[in-house]
Protein backbone atom coordinates (compact mmCIF):
# COMPACT_ATOMS: atom_id res chain seq x y z
CA MET A 1 13.22 -2.00 8.66
CA LEU A 2 10.82 -1.30 6.28
CA VAL A 3 6.87 -1.89 6.40
CA LEU A 4 5.11 -2.04 2.80
CA LEU A 5 1.14 -1.44 3.07
CA PRO A 6 -1.54 -1.71 0.57
CA PRO A 7 -3.23 1.86 -0.39
CA SER A 8 -6.81 2.26 0.34
CA GLU A 9 -9.38 3.47 -2.05
CA ALA A 10 -10.60 6.01 0.29
CA LYS A 11 -8.85 8.93 0.21
CA ALA A 12 -9.25 12.49 2.45
CA ALA A 13 -10.17 15.37 0.27
CA GLY A 14 -8.26 18.37 -0.44
CA GLY A 15 -4.62 18.98 0.57
CA ASP A 16 -2.36 22.54 0.43
CA GLY A 17 0.91 20.78 -1.23
CA PRO A 18 2.25 21.59 -4.76
CA PRO A 19 0.83 19.11 -7.38
CA VAL A 20 3.18 16.28 -8.65
CA GLY A 21 3.26 17.20 -12.58
CA ARG A 22 2.84 15.41 -15.79
CA ARG A 23 6.28 13.16 -14.98
CA PRO A 24 5.99 12.94 -10.91
CA ALA A 25 9.11 12.29 -9.35
CA LEU A 26 8.17 12.35 -5.58
CA SER A 27 10.88 10.12 -3.53
CA THR A 28 11.39 8.11 -6.40
CA PRO A 29 12.48 9.88 -9.51
CA SER A 30 13.34 6.58 -11.59
CA LEU A 31 9.51 5.93 -11.54
CA GLY A 32 8.32 9.22 -12.90
CA ALA A 33 8.31 7.96 -16.35
CA ALA A 34 6.25 5.02 -15.73
CA ARG A 35 3.96 7.23 -13.71
CA GLY A 36 3.69 9.83 -16.42
CA ASP A 37 2.82 7.03 -19.09
CA LEU A 38 0.07 5.90 -17.03
CA LEU A 39 -1.50 9.38 -16.46
CA ALA A 40 -1.10 10.00 -20.12
CA ALA A 41 -3.11 6.26 -20.90
CA ILE A 42 -5.68 7.34 -18.45
CA ARG A 43 -6.18 10.91 -20.03
CA ALA A 44 -6.29 9.40 -23.56
CA ALA A 45 -8.99 6.50 -22.64
CA ALA A 46 -10.92 8.94 -20.94
CA ARG A 47 -11.28 10.76 -24.60
CA THR A 48 -12.11 8.01 -26.25
CA ASP A 49 -13.19 4.97 -24.01
CA ARG A 50 -14.99 6.45 -21.09
CA THR A 51 -17.35 3.42 -20.37
CA ASP A 52 -14.36 0.95 -20.94
CA LEU A 53 -11.85 3.08 -18.63
CA VAL A 54 -14.58 3.21 -15.87
CA ALA A 55 -15.10 -0.68 -16.16
CA GLY A 56 -11.26 -1.31 -16.46
CA LEU A 57 -10.29 0.58 -13.19
CA ARG A 58 -13.08 -1.00 -11.20
CA LEU A 59 -14.99 2.12 -10.45
CA PRO A 60 -18.41 1.74 -8.91
CA ALA A 61 -21.02 3.69 -10.43
CA SER A 62 -21.61 5.96 -7.31
CA VAL A 63 -18.16 7.07 -7.43
CA ALA A 64 -17.12 6.57 -10.85
CA ASP A 65 -17.65 10.25 -12.19
CA ALA A 66 -15.42 11.83 -8.95
CA ALA A 67 -12.88 9.15 -9.09
CA LEU A 68 -12.37 9.69 -12.95
CA ARG A 69 -12.35 13.50 -12.39
CA ALA A 70 -9.45 12.82 -9.57
CA ASP A 71 -7.59 10.51 -11.75
CA LEU A 72 -7.83 13.04 -14.79
CA ARG A 73 -6.76 16.00 -12.56
CA ALA A 74 -4.24 13.99 -10.69
CA ALA A 75 -1.00 15.75 -12.15
CA THR A 76 -2.46 19.30 -11.31
CA ALA A 77 -4.33 18.58 -7.99
CA PRO A 78 -3.26 19.90 -4.52
CA THR A 79 -1.21 17.29 -2.41
CA MET A 80 -0.93 16.02 1.06
CA PRO A 81 1.43 13.44 2.48
CA ALA A 82 0.47 10.06 1.65
CA LEU A 83 0.02 8.55 5.24
CA ARG A 84 -2.75 11.22 5.64
CA ARG A 85 -4.06 11.00 2.23
CA TYR A 86 -5.29 7.18 2.42
CA ALA A 87 -8.55 7.06 4.68
CA GLY A 88 -9.48 3.50 4.40
CA VAL A 89 -9.97 0.95 7.75
CA LEU A 90 -6.00 0.12 7.95
CA TYR A 91 -4.82 4.08 7.94
CA GLN A 92 -7.92 4.76 10.53
CA ALA A 93 -6.22 2.37 12.52
CA LEU A 94 -2.84 3.55 12.00
CA ASP A 95 -4.10 7.22 12.64
CA VAL A 96 -1.00 9.15 12.08
CA GLY A 97 -2.40 12.03 12.77
CA SER A 98 -2.87 11.44 16.37
CA LEU A 99 0.54 9.90 16.95
CA PRO A 100 3.03 12.20 18.70
CA SER A 101 5.43 13.77 16.49
CA GLY A 102 8.29 11.46 16.74
CA ALA A 103 6.05 8.68 15.96
CA ALA A 104 4.71 10.10 12.91
CA ARG A 105 7.74 10.87 11.81
CA ARG A 106 9.46 7.37 12.17
CA ALA A 107 6.24 6.13 10.34
CA GLU A 108 6.47 8.49 7.54
CA ALA A 109 10.23 7.54 7.18
CA ALA A 110 9.79 4.00 7.23
CA VAL A 111 6.49 3.22 5.63
CA ILE A 112 6.05 2.28 1.66
CA VAL A 113 2.64 2.34 0.13
CA ALA A 114 2.33 0.43 -3.08
CA SER A 115 0.06 2.30 -5.28
CA GLY A 116 -1.93 1.80 -8.51
CA LEU A 117 -1.01 4.89 -9.84
CA TRP A 118 2.57 6.03 -8.43
CA GLY A 119 4.16 2.35 -8.13
CA VAL A 120 5.30 3.24 -4.80
CA VAL A 121 5.24 6.17 -2.24
CA ARG A 122 6.73 6.82 1.27
CA GLY A 123 4.82 7.77 3.89
CA ALA A 124 6.19 11.52 3.61
CA ASP A 125 5.30 11.81 -0.34
CA LEU A 126 2.73 14.20 -1.25
CA VAL A 127 0.21 12.70 -3.38
CA PRO A 128 -3.48 13.90 -4.88
CA ASP A 129 -6.37 11.92 -4.67
CA TYR A 130 -6.85 9.50 -7.34
CA ARG A 131 -8.25 5.96 -7.64
CA VAL A 132 -6.20 3.05 -9.71
CA PRO A 133 -6.27 -0.14 -8.21
CA ALA A 134 -3.70 -2.79 -9.19
CA SER A 135 -6.12 -4.57 -10.33
CA GLY A 136 -7.48 -2.48 -13.05
CA ARG A 137 -6.63 -1.71 -16.60
CA VAL A 138 -6.38 0.83 -18.96
CA PRO A 139 -8.11 0.43 -22.33
CA GLY A 140 -5.20 0.78 -24.72
CA PHE A 141 -2.72 0.40 -22.41
CA GLY A 142 -2.92 -2.89 -20.47
CA GLY A 143 -3.03 -4.35 -17.04
CA VAL A 144 -1.91 -1.72 -13.97
CA ALA A 145 0.02 -4.40 -11.82
CA ALA A 146 1.87 -5.50 -15.13
CA HIS A 147 2.63 -2.28 -15.78
CA TRP A 148 4.59 -2.11 -12.43
CA ARG A 149 6.36 -5.30 -12.18
CA GLY A 150 9.43 -3.99 -14.38
CA PRO A 151 10.01 -0.47 -12.78
CA LEU A 152 9.52 -1.95 -9.47
CA ALA A 153 12.02 -4.94 -9.74
CA ALA A 154 14.22 -2.64 -11.15
CA LEU A 155 13.77 -0.04 -8.18
CA MET A 156 12.98 -2.33 -4.88
CA PRO A 157 16.40 -3.80 -4.38
CA SER A 158 18.06 -0.14 -4.11
CA LEU A 159 15.01 1.44 -2.24
CA VAL A 160 15.39 -1.73 0.29
CA GLY A 161 18.91 -1.54 0.75
CA GLU A 162 20.24 -3.67 3.58
CA GLN A 163 17.02 -3.30 5.43
CA ALA A 164 14.46 -6.23 6.37
CA VAL A 165 10.96 -5.94 5.17
CA LEU A 166 7.39 -6.29 6.76
CA ASP A 167 5.29 -6.93 3.88
CA LEU A 168 1.51 -6.07 4.87
CA ARG A 169 0.35 -5.70 1.27
CA SER A 170 -2.92 -7.09 0.36
CA THR A 171 -2.95 -9.67 -2.69
CA ASP A 172 -3.61 -6.99 -5.69
CA TYR A 173 -0.35 -5.24 -4.65
CA LEU A 174 1.53 -8.19 -4.05
CA ALA A 175 1.29 -8.88 -7.80
CA MET A 176 2.72 -5.49 -8.55
CA TRP A 177 6.29 -6.61 -6.90
CA ARG A 178 7.66 -10.03 -5.67
CA PRO A 179 11.15 -9.89 -4.17
CA ALA A 180 14.04 -11.78 -6.18
CA PRO A 181 15.51 -14.73 -4.69
CA ALA A 182 18.18 -12.21 -3.28
CA LEU A 183 15.85 -10.58 -1.51
CA ARG A 184 13.18 -13.30 -0.33
CA GLY A 185 15.06 -14.04 3.06
CA ARG A 186 14.89 -10.31 4.27
CA VAL A 187 10.94 -9.93 3.13
CA LEU A 188 8.41 -11.44 5.70
CA GLN A 189 4.60 -11.18 4.36
CA VAL A 190 1.97 -10.99 6.93
CA ARG A 191 -1.57 -12.31 6.84
CA VAL A 192 -4.19 -11.83 8.98
CA LEU A 193 -6.65 -14.72 9.82
CA ALA A 194 -9.81 -15.31 12.05
CA ASP A 195 -9.59 -18.07 14.29
CA PRO A 196 -13.39 -19.36 14.06
CA GLY A 197 -13.15 -21.51 17.04
CA THR A 198 -14.60 -25.54 17.45
CA GLY A 199 -11.13 -26.93 15.99
CA ARG A 200 -11.47 -25.45 12.46
CA ALA A 201 -8.98 -23.70 10.59
CA PRO A 202 -8.27 -19.85 10.49
CA THR A 203 -10.12 -18.17 7.73
CA GLY A 204 -9.43 -15.16 5.63
CA VAL A 205 -10.99 -11.86 6.85
CA SER A 206 -11.40 -8.51 5.39
CA TYR A 207 -12.41 -5.39 7.63
CA HIS A 208 -10.39 -7.05 10.71
CA ALA A 209 -7.44 -7.80 8.36
CA LYS A 210 -6.82 -3.90 7.36
CA TRP A 211 -7.86 -2.80 10.98
CA VAL A 212 -5.29 -5.00 12.43
CA LYS A 213 -2.30 -4.37 9.90
CA GLY A 214 -3.06 -0.80 11.16
CA LEU A 215 -2.68 -1.41 14.94
CA LEU A 216 0.46 -3.50 14.08
CA VAL A 217 2.09 -0.36 12.20
CA ARG A 218 0.97 2.03 15.26
CA HIS A 219 2.52 -0.07 17.67
CA LEU A 220 5.75 0.12 15.74
CA ALA A 221 5.61 3.53 15.34
CA LEU A 222 5.01 4.31 19.05
CA LEU A 223 7.98 2.03 20.19
CA ARG A 224 10.79 4.02 21.42
CA ARG A 225 13.31 2.86 18.97
CA TRP A 226 11.94 1.63 15.48
CA PRO A 227 12.54 -2.19 15.02
CA ALA A 228 14.78 -3.96 12.42
CA ASP A 229 13.93 -7.49 12.89
CA PRO A 230 10.50 -8.09 11.61
CA SER A 231 9.63 -11.66 13.08
CA ALA A 232 10.76 -10.03 16.38
CA ALA A 233 8.28 -7.02 15.89
CA VAL A 234 5.27 -9.16 14.68
CA THR A 235 6.01 -11.48 17.98
CA ALA A 236 5.92 -8.54 20.19
CA ALA A 237 3.18 -6.64 18.49
CA ALA A 238 0.85 -9.74 18.48
CA ALA A 239 1.60 -10.22 21.96
CA ALA A 240 0.32 -6.87 22.77
CA LEU A 241 -2.66 -7.49 20.42
CA ASP A 242 -3.52 -10.46 21.70
CA LEU A 243 -2.84 -12.44 18.92
CA THR A 244 -1.54 -15.54 17.85
CA VAL A 245 1.48 -16.31 15.46
CA LEU A 246 1.48 -18.99 12.87
CA ASP A 247 4.51 -19.63 10.59
CA SER A 248 2.82 -20.39 6.95
CA SER A 249 6.27 -19.80 5.22
CA THR A 250 6.36 -21.77 1.54
CA PRO A 251 9.97 -22.52 -0.11
CA GLU A 252 9.21 -19.03 -2.05
CA VAL A 253 8.13 -17.08 0.75
CA CYS A 254 8.66 -16.32 4.44
CA ARG A 255 5.39 -15.59 5.75
CA VAL A 256 3.50 -15.43 9.45
CA ASP A 257 -0.26 -15.59 9.96
CA LEU A 258 -1.65 -13.49 12.80
CA VAL A 259 -4.97 -15.11 13.91
CA GLY A 260 -7.45 -13.48 16.59
CA ARG A 261 -11.20 -13.92 17.44
CA TYR A 262 -13.16 -11.46 15.80
CA PRO A 263 -16.92 -10.43 16.39
């Protein structure tokens, strides 16, 4: 079973791995050209439309300069494994650095992270600091999510193979790749919702959704054997995390909701 995660805007600094180069192969060489095209478009826009590029990449004013510098240096900057580079709430809950070595290896092998700049990366892929959200747009080039739809549609069936997929991506990253009909029955999406009590319907959450998804992947990594069935894995993890599982599937999507009470 593979696990698809969203990335995080927050990244750990530094790294001692080799740079990815201007046509990054990582563990998925077929995406190298698409990655190189996007890197080149960002460099070109930074020379001619810097203000529009900052707005298009949705970079907050407080971090815009540093984030844009990181993007422009992405091909030549030092790298570190993806599961250690991402440092947001989900990855704090997963806390791969504190896992036993076997559990960490299981997570690095099974986790695939959707990325606005790289398309997808495996947990062990060496990546630099960067900030390119799937919801972003590069002047003269177009939308980031739209850029990845074709390359990921071509790659993902072979990357998934015969495995099932536990899909924990957030909405923006779901837009980069949607399983074709032949794969839909093996892809289980998960949403995390809050139970507001008093008989009202569950509602969406942000911080807690990321935290729960991180705990879910950590729970899977700590099992003696990485599970093959996403539905059974989610049900068992939900019991351990005191969450309720609700089926919210539609004709187009296999999906469950994890519902909990949060402060």
